[in-house]
């Protein structure tokens, strides 16, 4: 038991001697995160080549000067028509 106490005391002493600056890590700047996000977004290009490769059918509705409510609410019937026409095929239930 005294050996364990001695080891714990040495560990506590070493841990107390480590400066807080060495243990802390700097957070990335918001500008570097923005650059990384925009780079990945540009590389993905979901509006171009990827649609063609996947054979996805897309209906794009643009409302000039609209906000989230002005765009979504009046176009909900069109959204539901699109979804009804593109139902996901269901897998047969196993018996």
N, C-alpha and C. Protein backbone atom coordinates (compact mmCIF):
# COMPACT_ATOMS: atom_id res chain seq x y z
N UNK A 1 0.80 -1.20 0.00
CA UNK A 1 0.00 0.00 0.00
C UNK A 1 0.85 1.28 0.00
N UNK A 2 1.97 1.29 0.74
CA UNK A 2 2.80 2.51 0.70
C UNK A 2 3.37 2.77 -0.68
N UNK A 3 3.63 1.70 -1.47
CA UNK A 3 4.16 1.91 -2.82
C UNK A 3 3.13 2.62 -3.70
N UNK A 4 1.88 2.19 -3.54
CA UNK A 4 0.81 2.81 -4.33
C UNK A 4 0.67 4.29 -3.98
N UNK A 5 0.74 4.60 -2.69
CA UNK A 5 0.65 6.00 -2.27
C UNK A 5 1.82 6.80 -2.81
N UNK A 6 2.99 6.21 -2.81
CA UNK A 6 4.17 6.91 -3.34
C UNK A 6 4.02 7.18 -4.83
N UNK A 7 3.52 6.18 -5.54
CA UNK A 7 3.33 6.37 -6.99
C UNK A 7 2.29 7.44 -7.27
N UNK A 8 1.20 7.41 -6.52
CA UNK A 8 0.16 8.43 -6.70
C UNK A 8 0.71 9.83 -6.37
N UNK A 9 1.53 9.91 -5.33
CA UNK A 9 2.11 11.20 -4.97
C UNK A 9 3.03 11.71 -6.07
N UNK A 10 3.84 10.83 -6.66
CA UNK A 10 4.74 11.23 -7.75
C UNK A 10 3.92 11.67 -8.96
N UNK A 11 2.88 10.91 -9.28
CA UNK A 11 2.03 11.26 -10.41
C UNK A 11 1.37 12.62 -10.18
N UNK A 12 0.84 12.85 -8.98
CA UNK A 12 0.19 14.12 -8.67
C UNK A 12 1.19 15.27 -8.75
N UNK A 13 2.42 15.04 -8.28
CA UNK A 13 3.43 16.08 -8.34
C UNK A 13 3.80 16.41 -9.79
N UNK A 14 3.97 15.37 -10.63
CA UNK A 14 4.29 15.62 -12.03
C UNK A 14 3.15 16.32 -12.76
N UNK A 15 1.92 15.90 -12.46
CA UNK A 15 0.77 16.51 -13.10
C UNK A 15 0.64 17.98 -12.70
N UNK A 16 0.95 18.28 -11.45
CA UNK A 16 0.85 19.66 -10.97
C UNK A 16 1.92 20.55 -11.60
N UNK A 17 3.03 19.96 -12.03
CA UNK A 17 4.12 20.74 -12.61
C UNK A 17 3.91 21.07 -14.08
N UNK A 18 2.97 20.39 -14.75
CA UNK A 18 2.72 20.66 -16.17
C UNK A 18 1.97 21.98 -16.30
N UNK A 19 2.50 22.93 -17.03
CA UNK A 19 1.80 24.21 -17.18
C UNK A 19 0.48 24.04 -17.92
N UNK A 20 -0.46 24.86 -17.56
CA UNK A 20 -1.78 24.79 -18.18
C UNK A 20 -1.72 25.10 -19.67
N UNK A 21 -0.73 25.89 -20.10
CA UNK A 21 -0.62 26.24 -21.51
C UNK A 21 -0.29 25.01 -22.37
N UNK A 22 0.42 24.04 -21.79
CA UNK A 22 0.74 22.85 -22.56
C UNK A 22 -0.47 21.94 -22.71
N UNK A 23 -1.34 21.94 -21.72
CA UNK A 23 -2.50 21.07 -21.76
C UNK A 23 -3.62 21.65 -22.63
N UNK A 24 -3.68 22.97 -22.72
CA UNK A 24 -4.75 23.60 -23.50
C UNK A 24 -4.44 23.54 -24.99
N UNK A 25 -5.50 23.48 -25.78
CA UNK A 25 -5.35 23.48 -27.23
C UNK A 25 -6.08 24.69 -27.80
N UNK A 26 -5.49 25.29 -28.79
CA UNK A 26 -6.10 26.46 -29.41
C UNK A 26 -7.25 26.02 -30.31
N UNK A 27 -8.32 26.78 -30.29
CA UNK A 27 -9.45 26.51 -31.17
C UNK A 27 -9.18 27.12 -32.53
N UNK A 28 -9.64 26.47 -33.61
CA UNK A 28 -9.41 27.03 -34.94
C UNK A 28 -10.20 28.33 -35.11
N UNK A 29 -9.62 29.23 -35.88
CA UNK A 29 -10.29 30.49 -36.13
C UNK A 29 -11.50 30.30 -37.03
N UNK A 30 -12.47 31.17 -36.89
CA UNK A 30 -13.72 31.05 -37.67
C UNK A 30 -13.43 31.23 -39.15
N UNK A 31 -12.44 32.03 -39.51
CA UNK A 31 -12.15 32.23 -40.93
C UNK A 31 -11.59 30.96 -41.56
N UNK A 32 -10.76 30.22 -40.82
CA UNK A 32 -10.24 28.97 -41.38
C UNK A 32 -11.34 27.93 -41.51
N UNK A 33 -12.30 27.93 -40.59
CA UNK A 33 -13.43 27.01 -40.71
C UNK A 33 -14.29 27.36 -41.92
N UNK A 34 -14.48 28.65 -42.16
CA UNK A 34 -15.28 29.09 -43.30
C UNK A 34 -14.61 28.69 -44.61
N UNK A 35 -13.30 28.84 -44.68
CA UNK A 35 -12.56 28.46 -45.88
C UNK A 35 -12.68 26.97 -46.11
N UNK A 36 -12.53 26.17 -45.06
CA UNK A 36 -12.63 24.72 -45.19
C UNK A 36 -14.03 24.32 -45.65
N UNK A 37 -15.06 24.94 -45.07
CA UNK A 37 -16.44 24.61 -45.45
C UNK A 37 -16.70 24.97 -46.92
N UNK A 38 -16.31 26.17 -47.32
CA UNK A 38 -16.55 26.60 -48.70
C UNK A 38 -15.79 25.74 -49.69
N UNK A 39 -14.59 25.30 -49.31
CA UNK A 39 -13.81 24.43 -50.20
C UNK A 39 -14.50 23.10 -50.39
N UNK A 40 -14.95 22.51 -49.29
CA UNK A 40 -15.66 21.21 -49.38
C UNK A 40 -16.96 21.34 -50.16
N UNK A 41 -17.67 22.47 -49.94
CA UNK A 41 -18.94 22.68 -50.63
C UNK A 41 -18.71 22.81 -52.13
N UNK A 42 -17.66 23.51 -52.51
CA UNK A 42 -17.37 23.68 -53.94
C UNK A 42 -16.93 22.36 -54.57
N UNK A 43 -16.22 21.53 -53.81
CA UNK A 43 -15.76 20.25 -54.35
C UNK A 43 -16.92 19.27 -54.52
N UNK A 44 -17.93 19.35 -53.65
CA UNK A 44 -19.05 18.42 -53.73
C UNK A 44 -19.91 18.72 -54.95
N UNK A 45 -20.14 19.99 -55.25
CA UNK A 45 -20.91 20.44 -56.40
C UNK A 45 -22.22 19.67 -56.57
N UNK A 46 -23.12 19.72 -55.58
CA UNK A 46 -24.35 18.94 -55.68
C UNK A 46 -25.30 19.44 -56.76
N UNK A 47 -25.11 20.64 -57.24
CA UNK A 47 -26.01 21.16 -58.26
C UNK A 47 -25.55 20.82 -59.68
N UNK A 48 -24.42 20.17 -59.83
CA UNK A 48 -23.90 19.93 -61.17
C UNK A 48 -23.64 18.47 -61.47
N UNK A 49 -22.38 18.10 -61.49
CA UNK A 49 -21.97 16.78 -61.95
C UNK A 49 -22.55 15.63 -61.14
N UNK A 50 -22.67 15.80 -59.85
CA UNK A 50 -23.14 14.71 -59.00
C UNK A 50 -24.57 14.31 -59.35
N UNK A 51 -25.43 15.30 -59.64
CA UNK A 51 -26.81 14.99 -60.04
C UNK A 51 -26.82 14.10 -61.28
N UNK A 52 -26.01 14.45 -62.25
CA UNK A 52 -25.97 13.71 -63.51
C UNK A 52 -25.45 12.29 -63.27
N UNK A 53 -24.41 12.15 -62.46
CA UNK A 53 -23.84 10.83 -62.18
C UNK A 53 -24.84 9.92 -61.47
N UNK A 54 -25.61 10.50 -60.55
CA UNK A 54 -26.56 9.70 -59.79
C UNK A 54 -27.89 9.53 -60.52
N UNK A 55 -28.10 10.29 -61.56
CA UNK A 55 -29.36 10.21 -62.29
C UNK A 55 -30.53 10.77 -61.50
N UNK A 56 -30.27 11.75 -60.68
CA UNK A 56 -31.30 12.33 -59.82
C UNK A 56 -32.15 13.31 -60.60
N UNK A 57 -33.44 13.25 -60.36
CA UNK A 57 -34.36 14.22 -60.95
C UNK A 57 -34.57 15.32 -59.93
N UNK A 58 -34.34 16.55 -60.32
CA UNK A 58 -34.41 17.67 -59.40
C UNK A 58 -35.35 18.72 -59.97
N UNK A 59 -36.20 19.24 -59.11
CA UNK A 59 -37.04 20.36 -59.48
C UNK A 59 -36.62 21.53 -58.61
N UNK A 60 -36.13 22.57 -59.22
CA UNK A 60 -35.62 23.73 -58.50
C UNK A 60 -36.61 24.87 -58.63
N UNK A 61 -37.03 25.40 -57.51
CA UNK A 61 -37.97 26.52 -57.49
C UNK A 61 -37.25 27.71 -56.88
N UNK A 62 -37.17 28.80 -57.61
CA UNK A 62 -36.53 30.01 -57.09
C UNK A 62 -37.56 31.11 -57.02
N UNK A 63 -37.63 31.75 -55.87
CA UNK A 63 -38.54 32.87 -55.67
C UNK A 63 -37.68 34.11 -55.42
N UNK A 64 -37.57 34.99 -56.41
CA UNK A 64 -36.74 36.19 -56.24
C UNK A 64 -37.22 37.04 -55.06
N UNK A 65 -36.29 37.37 -54.19
CA UNK A 65 -36.61 38.21 -53.03
C UNK A 65 -37.38 37.49 -51.94
N UNK A 66 -37.51 36.19 -52.04
CA UNK A 66 -38.27 35.45 -51.03
C UNK A 66 -37.41 35.05 -49.85
N UNK A 67 -38.07 34.80 -48.72
CA UNK A 67 -37.36 34.29 -47.56
C UNK A 67 -37.85 32.86 -47.32
N UNK A 68 -37.51 32.27 -46.19
CA UNK A 68 -37.85 30.87 -45.96
C UNK A 68 -39.36 30.64 -45.99
N UNK A 69 -40.13 31.53 -45.42
CA UNK A 69 -41.58 31.35 -45.38
C UNK A 69 -42.19 31.62 -46.74
N UNK A 70 -41.75 32.67 -47.41
CA UNK A 70 -42.31 33.02 -48.72
C UNK A 70 -42.06 31.93 -49.76
N UNK A 71 -40.99 31.17 -49.60
CA UNK A 71 -40.65 30.14 -50.57
C UNK A 71 -41.35 28.83 -50.24
N UNK A 72 -41.30 28.43 -48.98
CA UNK A 72 -41.79 27.10 -48.60
C UNK A 72 -43.30 27.00 -48.63
N UNK A 73 -43.96 27.87 -47.91
CA UNK A 73 -45.41 27.72 -47.71
C UNK A 73 -46.20 27.70 -49.02
N UNK A 74 -46.01 28.63 -49.95
CA UNK A 74 -46.80 28.57 -51.18
C UNK A 74 -46.45 27.38 -52.07
N UNK A 75 -45.26 26.81 -51.91
CA UNK A 75 -44.83 25.72 -52.78
C UNK A 75 -44.98 24.34 -52.16
N UNK A 76 -45.57 24.23 -50.98
CA UNK A 76 -45.75 22.93 -50.35
C UNK A 76 -46.56 21.95 -51.21
N UNK A 77 -47.64 22.38 -51.86
CA UNK A 77 -48.35 21.42 -52.72
C UNK A 77 -47.46 20.85 -53.83
N UNK A 78 -46.59 21.68 -54.43
CA UNK A 78 -45.67 21.19 -55.46
C UNK A 78 -44.68 20.19 -54.87
N UNK A 79 -44.23 20.45 -53.64
CA UNK A 79 -43.30 19.54 -52.98
C UNK A 79 -43.96 18.19 -52.76
N UNK A 80 -45.20 18.18 -52.27
CA UNK A 80 -45.89 16.92 -52.02
C UNK A 80 -46.19 16.18 -53.32
N UNK A 81 -46.50 16.90 -54.38
CA UNK A 81 -46.70 16.25 -55.69
C UNK A 81 -45.41 15.58 -56.16
N UNK A 82 -44.30 16.27 -56.00
CA UNK A 82 -43.00 15.72 -56.40
C UNK A 82 -42.69 14.46 -55.59
N UNK A 83 -42.89 14.53 -54.28
CA UNK A 83 -42.60 13.37 -53.44
C UNK A 83 -43.53 12.20 -53.74
N UNK A 84 -44.79 12.49 -54.03
CA UNK A 84 -45.74 11.41 -54.35
C UNK A 84 -45.36 10.74 -55.67
N UNK A 85 -44.82 11.50 -56.60
CA UNK A 85 -44.42 10.92 -57.89
C UNK A 85 -43.11 10.15 -57.79
N UNK A 86 -42.35 10.34 -56.72
CA UNK A 86 -41.04 9.69 -56.57
C UNK A 86 -40.97 8.89 -55.28
N UNK A 87 -41.94 8.01 -55.09
CA UNK A 87 -41.96 7.20 -53.87
C UNK A 87 -40.81 6.22 -53.86
N UNK A 88 -40.26 6.02 -52.68
CA UNK A 88 -39.16 5.07 -52.49
C UNK A 88 -39.72 3.66 -52.54
N UNK A 89 -39.03 2.81 -53.28
CA UNK A 89 -39.48 1.42 -53.36
C UNK A 89 -39.25 0.74 -52.02
N UNK A 90 -40.25 0.03 -51.54
CA UNK A 90 -40.14 -0.64 -50.25
C UNK A 90 -39.65 -2.06 -50.45
N UNK A 91 -38.80 -2.50 -49.55
CA UNK A 91 -38.29 -3.87 -49.61
C UNK A 91 -39.35 -4.83 -49.09
N UNK A 92 -39.42 -6.03 -49.65
CA UNK A 92 -40.40 -7.00 -49.16
C UNK A 92 -40.08 -7.39 -47.71
N UNK A 93 -41.12 -7.58 -46.93
CA UNK A 93 -40.91 -7.95 -45.52
C UNK A 93 -40.50 -9.41 -45.42
N UNK A 94 -39.45 -9.71 -44.65
CA UNK A 94 -39.01 -11.10 -44.50
C UNK A 94 -40.00 -11.87 -43.64
N UNK A 95 -40.15 -13.15 -43.96
CA UNK A 95 -41.08 -14.00 -43.18
C UNK A 95 -40.34 -14.96 -42.32
